[in-house]
Amino acid sequence: MTTVHAGEQTVHEPGDPALAADLALLREVLADHPFPTRQDDLIAACLVRHQPARLCRRLAGLDRTHDYASLDEVCAEVVATALPVTPV
């Protein structure tokens, strides 16, 4: 497990290589996404960019009503709510 310091927030990168790869892809895909944002906007951004369904599945675990202030907050929540995802 690797610890990444992002501003004031500390994010623990997961030991699961599939989750780590998905987080890296989410960071790439959502790098220019405007914040604050909500779960449905994040999923829509992935769909518009024709990203793998597994990324939408990762984002589906986020709170639908929460306003996410940053990509770091989104990634931390994805790690916290991670469910096993089978690669497609």
N, C-alpha and C. Protein backbone atom coordinates (compact mmCIF):
# COMPACT_ATOMS: atom_id res chain seq x y z
N MET A 1 0.85 -1.17 0.00
CA MET A 1 0.00 0.00 0.00
C MET A 1 0.89 1.23 0.00
N THR A 2 0.58 2.19 -0.86
CA THR A 2 1.33 3.42 -0.98
C THR A 2 0.48 4.56 -0.45
N THR A 3 1.09 5.48 0.26
CA THR A 3 0.38 6.65 0.75
C THR A 3 0.71 7.83 -0.15
N VAL A 4 -0.32 8.50 -0.64
CA VAL A 4 -0.16 9.64 -1.51
C VAL A 4 -0.72 10.86 -0.79
N HIS A 5 0.07 11.91 -0.68
CA HIS A 5 -0.38 13.14 -0.03
C HIS A 5 -0.86 14.10 -1.11
N ALA A 6 -2.12 14.46 -1.03
CA ALA A 6 -2.72 15.36 -2.01
C ALA A 6 -3.24 16.58 -1.29
N GLY A 7 -2.43 17.61 -1.25
CA GLY A 7 -2.84 18.81 -0.52
C GLY A 7 -2.96 18.49 0.95
N GLU A 8 -4.13 18.74 1.53
CA GLU A 8 -4.35 18.47 2.95
C GLU A 8 -4.84 17.05 3.19
N GLN A 9 -5.18 16.34 2.12
CA GLN A 9 -5.79 15.03 2.26
C GLN A 9 -4.77 13.94 1.98
N THR A 10 -4.77 12.87 2.78
CA THR A 10 -3.91 11.73 2.55
C THR A 10 -4.75 10.60 1.99
N VAL A 11 -4.33 10.08 0.85
CA VAL A 11 -5.05 9.00 0.19
C VAL A 11 -4.17 7.76 0.21
N HIS A 12 -4.71 6.66 0.69
CA HIS A 12 -3.97 5.40 0.68
C HIS A 12 -4.33 4.65 -0.59
N GLU A 13 -3.33 4.48 -1.44
CA GLU A 13 -3.57 3.73 -2.66
C GLU A 13 -3.79 2.27 -2.29
N PRO A 14 -4.72 1.62 -2.94
CA PRO A 14 -5.10 0.26 -2.58
C PRO A 14 -4.04 -0.77 -2.95
N GLY A 15 -4.07 -1.90 -2.24
CA GLY A 15 -3.19 -3.01 -2.55
C GLY A 15 -3.70 -3.80 -3.75
N ASP A 16 -4.96 -3.63 -4.12
CA ASP A 16 -5.57 -4.31 -5.25
C ASP A 16 -5.11 -3.64 -6.55
N PRO A 17 -4.37 -4.37 -7.39
CA PRO A 17 -3.85 -3.76 -8.62
C PRO A 17 -4.95 -3.28 -9.57
N ALA A 18 -6.08 -3.99 -9.62
CA ALA A 18 -7.18 -3.59 -10.50
C ALA A 18 -7.78 -2.26 -10.03
N LEU A 19 -7.93 -2.11 -8.73
CA LEU A 19 -8.46 -0.86 -8.18
C LEU A 19 -7.47 0.28 -8.41
N ALA A 20 -6.20 0.01 -8.22
CA ALA A 20 -5.17 1.03 -8.45
C ALA A 20 -5.18 1.48 -9.91
N ALA A 21 -5.33 0.53 -10.83
CA ALA A 21 -5.37 0.87 -12.26
C ALA A 21 -6.62 1.70 -12.58
N ASP A 22 -7.76 1.32 -11.98
CA ASP A 22 -8.99 2.07 -12.21
C ASP A 22 -8.89 3.49 -11.65
N LEU A 23 -8.26 3.64 -10.50
CA LEU A 23 -8.06 4.97 -9.93
C LEU A 23 -7.19 5.83 -10.84
N ALA A 24 -6.15 5.25 -11.38
CA ALA A 24 -5.27 5.99 -12.29
C ALA A 24 -6.06 6.43 -13.53
N LEU A 25 -6.89 5.54 -14.05
CA LEU A 25 -7.69 5.87 -15.22
C LEU A 25 -8.74 6.94 -14.88
N LEU A 26 -9.37 6.83 -13.71
CA LEU A 26 -10.32 7.85 -13.28
C LEU A 26 -9.64 9.21 -13.18
N ARG A 27 -8.44 9.24 -12.61
CA ARG A 27 -7.70 10.51 -12.49
C ARG A 27 -7.42 11.11 -13.87
N GLU A 28 -7.10 10.25 -14.83
CA GLU A 28 -6.81 10.72 -16.18
C GLU A 28 -8.08 11.24 -16.86
N VAL A 29 -9.15 10.45 -16.78
CA VAL A 29 -10.40 10.78 -17.46
C VAL A 29 -11.06 12.03 -16.87
N LEU A 30 -10.99 12.16 -15.53
CA LEU A 30 -11.69 13.25 -14.86
C LEU A 30 -10.78 14.44 -14.51
N ALA A 31 -9.58 14.46 -15.05
CA ALA A 31 -8.61 15.52 -14.71
C ALA A 31 -9.15 16.92 -15.01
N ASP A 32 -9.94 17.07 -16.06
CA ASP A 32 -10.45 18.39 -16.41
C ASP A 32 -11.92 18.56 -16.06
N HIS A 33 -12.47 17.63 -15.29
CA HIS A 33 -13.89 17.71 -14.89
C HIS A 33 -14.07 18.83 -13.87
N PRO A 34 -15.12 19.62 -14.01
CA PRO A 34 -15.34 20.72 -13.06
C PRO A 34 -15.85 20.22 -11.70
N PHE A 35 -15.32 20.80 -10.65
CA PHE A 35 -15.73 20.50 -9.27
C PHE A 35 -16.21 21.78 -8.63
N PRO A 36 -17.15 21.71 -7.69
CA PRO A 36 -17.78 20.53 -7.11
C PRO A 36 -18.69 19.85 -8.12
N THR A 37 -18.92 18.55 -7.87
CA THR A 37 -19.72 17.74 -8.77
C THR A 37 -20.40 16.63 -7.98
N ARG A 38 -21.32 15.96 -8.62
CA ARG A 38 -22.04 14.85 -7.99
C ARG A 38 -21.78 13.56 -8.75
N GLN A 39 -22.18 12.47 -8.12
CA GLN A 39 -21.93 11.14 -8.66
C GLN A 39 -22.45 10.99 -10.09
N ASP A 40 -23.68 11.42 -10.36
CA ASP A 40 -24.25 11.23 -11.69
C ASP A 40 -23.48 12.00 -12.76
N ASP A 41 -22.93 13.15 -12.42
CA ASP A 41 -22.12 13.90 -13.38
C ASP A 41 -20.80 13.20 -13.67
N LEU A 42 -20.22 12.57 -12.66
CA LEU A 42 -18.98 11.81 -12.85
C LEU A 42 -19.21 10.61 -13.75
N ILE A 43 -20.31 9.89 -13.50
CA ILE A 43 -20.63 8.73 -14.34
C ILE A 43 -20.90 9.18 -15.77
N ALA A 44 -21.65 10.26 -15.93
CA ALA A 44 -21.93 10.79 -17.27
C ALA A 44 -20.64 11.16 -18.00
N ALA A 45 -19.70 11.75 -17.30
CA ALA A 45 -18.42 12.12 -17.91
C ALA A 45 -17.69 10.88 -18.43
N CYS A 46 -17.72 9.80 -17.67
CA CYS A 46 -17.08 8.56 -18.12
C CYS A 46 -17.80 7.97 -19.34
N LEU A 47 -19.13 8.02 -19.32
CA LEU A 47 -19.91 7.49 -20.45
C LEU A 47 -19.65 8.30 -21.73
N VAL A 48 -19.64 9.61 -21.61
CA VAL A 48 -19.40 10.47 -22.77
C VAL A 48 -18.02 10.20 -23.37
N ARG A 49 -17.06 9.88 -22.52
CA ARG A 49 -15.69 9.62 -22.99
C ARG A 49 -15.46 8.15 -23.35
N HIS A 50 -16.56 7.37 -23.39
CA HIS A 50 -16.51 5.96 -23.79
C HIS A 50 -15.52 5.14 -22.97
N GLN A 51 -15.55 5.36 -21.65
CA GLN A 51 -14.67 4.64 -20.74
C GLN A 51 -15.28 3.28 -20.39
N PRO A 52 -14.46 2.35 -19.90
CA PRO A 52 -14.97 1.02 -19.55
C PRO A 52 -16.08 1.10 -18.49
N ALA A 53 -17.04 0.21 -18.59
CA ALA A 53 -18.17 0.17 -17.66
C ALA A 53 -17.71 -0.01 -16.22
N ARG A 54 -16.56 -0.64 -16.02
CA ARG A 54 -16.09 -0.86 -14.65
C ARG A 54 -15.81 0.46 -13.92
N LEU A 55 -15.46 1.52 -14.66
CA LEU A 55 -15.25 2.82 -14.02
C LEU A 55 -16.58 3.37 -13.51
N CYS A 56 -17.63 3.21 -14.30
CA CYS A 56 -18.97 3.64 -13.86
C CYS A 56 -19.40 2.82 -12.65
N ARG A 57 -19.06 1.55 -12.64
CA ARG A 57 -19.39 0.68 -11.50
C ARG A 57 -18.66 1.17 -10.25
N ARG A 58 -17.42 1.58 -10.39
CA ARG A 58 -16.67 2.12 -9.24
C ARG A 58 -17.36 3.39 -8.72
N LEU A 59 -17.77 4.25 -9.63
CA LEU A 59 -18.41 5.50 -9.24
C LEU A 59 -19.82 5.29 -8.70
N ALA A 60 -20.45 4.18 -9.06
CA ALA A 60 -21.80 3.89 -8.59
C ALA A 60 -21.85 3.72 -7.07
N GLY A 61 -20.73 3.42 -6.45
CA GLY A 61 -20.69 3.26 -5.00
C GLY A 61 -20.64 4.58 -4.24
N LEU A 62 -20.49 5.69 -4.95
CA LEU A 62 -20.44 7.00 -4.31
C LEU A 62 -21.83 7.44 -3.87
N ASP A 63 -21.87 8.33 -2.90
CA ASP A 63 -23.13 8.91 -2.42
C ASP A 63 -23.73 9.77 -3.54
N ARG A 64 -24.98 9.50 -3.89
CA ARG A 64 -25.63 10.21 -5.00
C ARG A 64 -25.93 11.67 -4.70
N THR A 65 -26.03 12.04 -3.44
CA THR A 65 -26.43 13.41 -3.10
C THR A 65 -25.28 14.28 -2.60
N HIS A 66 -24.10 13.69 -2.46
CA HIS A 66 -22.95 14.43 -1.94
C HIS A 66 -22.32 15.28 -3.05
N ASP A 67 -21.93 16.50 -2.70
CA ASP A 67 -21.16 17.35 -3.63
C ASP A 67 -19.68 17.10 -3.38
N TYR A 68 -19.01 16.46 -4.34
CA TYR A 68 -17.59 16.16 -4.21
C TYR A 68 -16.78 17.40 -4.62
N ALA A 69 -15.92 17.83 -3.71
CA ALA A 69 -15.18 19.08 -3.90
C ALA A 69 -13.96 18.92 -4.81
N SER A 70 -13.43 17.69 -4.92
CA SER A 70 -12.21 17.51 -5.70
C SER A 70 -12.09 16.08 -6.19
N LEU A 71 -11.20 15.90 -7.14
CA LEU A 71 -10.92 14.56 -7.64
C LEU A 71 -10.28 13.69 -6.56
N ASP A 72 -9.48 14.30 -5.69
CA ASP A 72 -8.89 13.55 -4.58
C ASP A 72 -9.97 12.99 -3.67
N GLU A 73 -10.99 13.79 -3.40
CA GLU A 73 -12.10 13.32 -2.55
C GLU A 73 -12.85 12.17 -3.22
N VAL A 74 -13.06 12.27 -4.52
CA VAL A 74 -13.72 11.20 -5.27
C VAL A 74 -12.91 9.91 -5.18
N CYS A 75 -11.61 10.00 -5.44
CA CYS A 75 -10.76 8.81 -5.41
C CYS A 75 -10.71 8.19 -4.02
N ALA A 76 -10.65 9.01 -2.99
CA ALA A 76 -10.63 8.49 -1.62
C ALA A 76 -11.93 7.75 -1.32
N GLU A 77 -13.04 8.28 -1.79
CA GLU A 77 -14.33 7.63 -1.57
C GLU A 77 -14.45 6.35 -2.38
N VAL A 78 -13.90 6.33 -3.59
CA VAL A 78 -13.90 5.11 -4.40
C VAL A 78 -13.14 4.01 -3.67
N VAL A 79 -11.99 4.35 -3.09
CA VAL A 79 -11.21 3.37 -2.33
C VAL A 79 -12.01 2.89 -1.12
N ALA A 80 -12.65 3.82 -0.42
CA ALA A 80 -13.39 3.47 0.79
C ALA A 80 -14.60 2.58 0.50
N THR A 81 -15.19 2.73 -0.67
CA THR A 81 -16.39 1.96 -1.00
C THR A 81 -16.12 0.88 -2.03
N ALA A 82 -14.86 0.55 -2.23
CA ALA A 82 -14.47 -0.38 -3.29
C ALA A 82 -15.15 -1.74 -3.16
N LEU A 83 -15.73 -2.17 -4.26
CA LEU A 83 -16.29 -3.50 -4.38
C LEU A 83 -15.45 -4.24 -5.42
N PRO A 84 -15.36 -5.54 -5.31
CA PRO A 84 -14.61 -6.27 -6.33
C PRO A 84 -15.26 -6.06 -7.70
N VAL A 85 -14.43 -5.74 -8.68
CA VAL A 85 -14.92 -5.53 -10.04
C VAL A 85 -14.15 -6.46 -10.96
N THR A 86 -14.88 -7.23 -11.75
CA THR A 86 -14.26 -8.12 -12.71
C THR A 86 -13.97 -7.35 -13.99
N PRO A 87 -12.72 -7.37 -14.47
CA PRO A 87 -12.40 -6.65 -15.69
C PRO A 87 -13.22 -7.15 -16.86
N VAL A 88 -13.64 -6.22 -17.74
CA VAL A 88 -14.46 -6.57 -18.90
C VAL A 88 -13.59 -6.65 -20.12
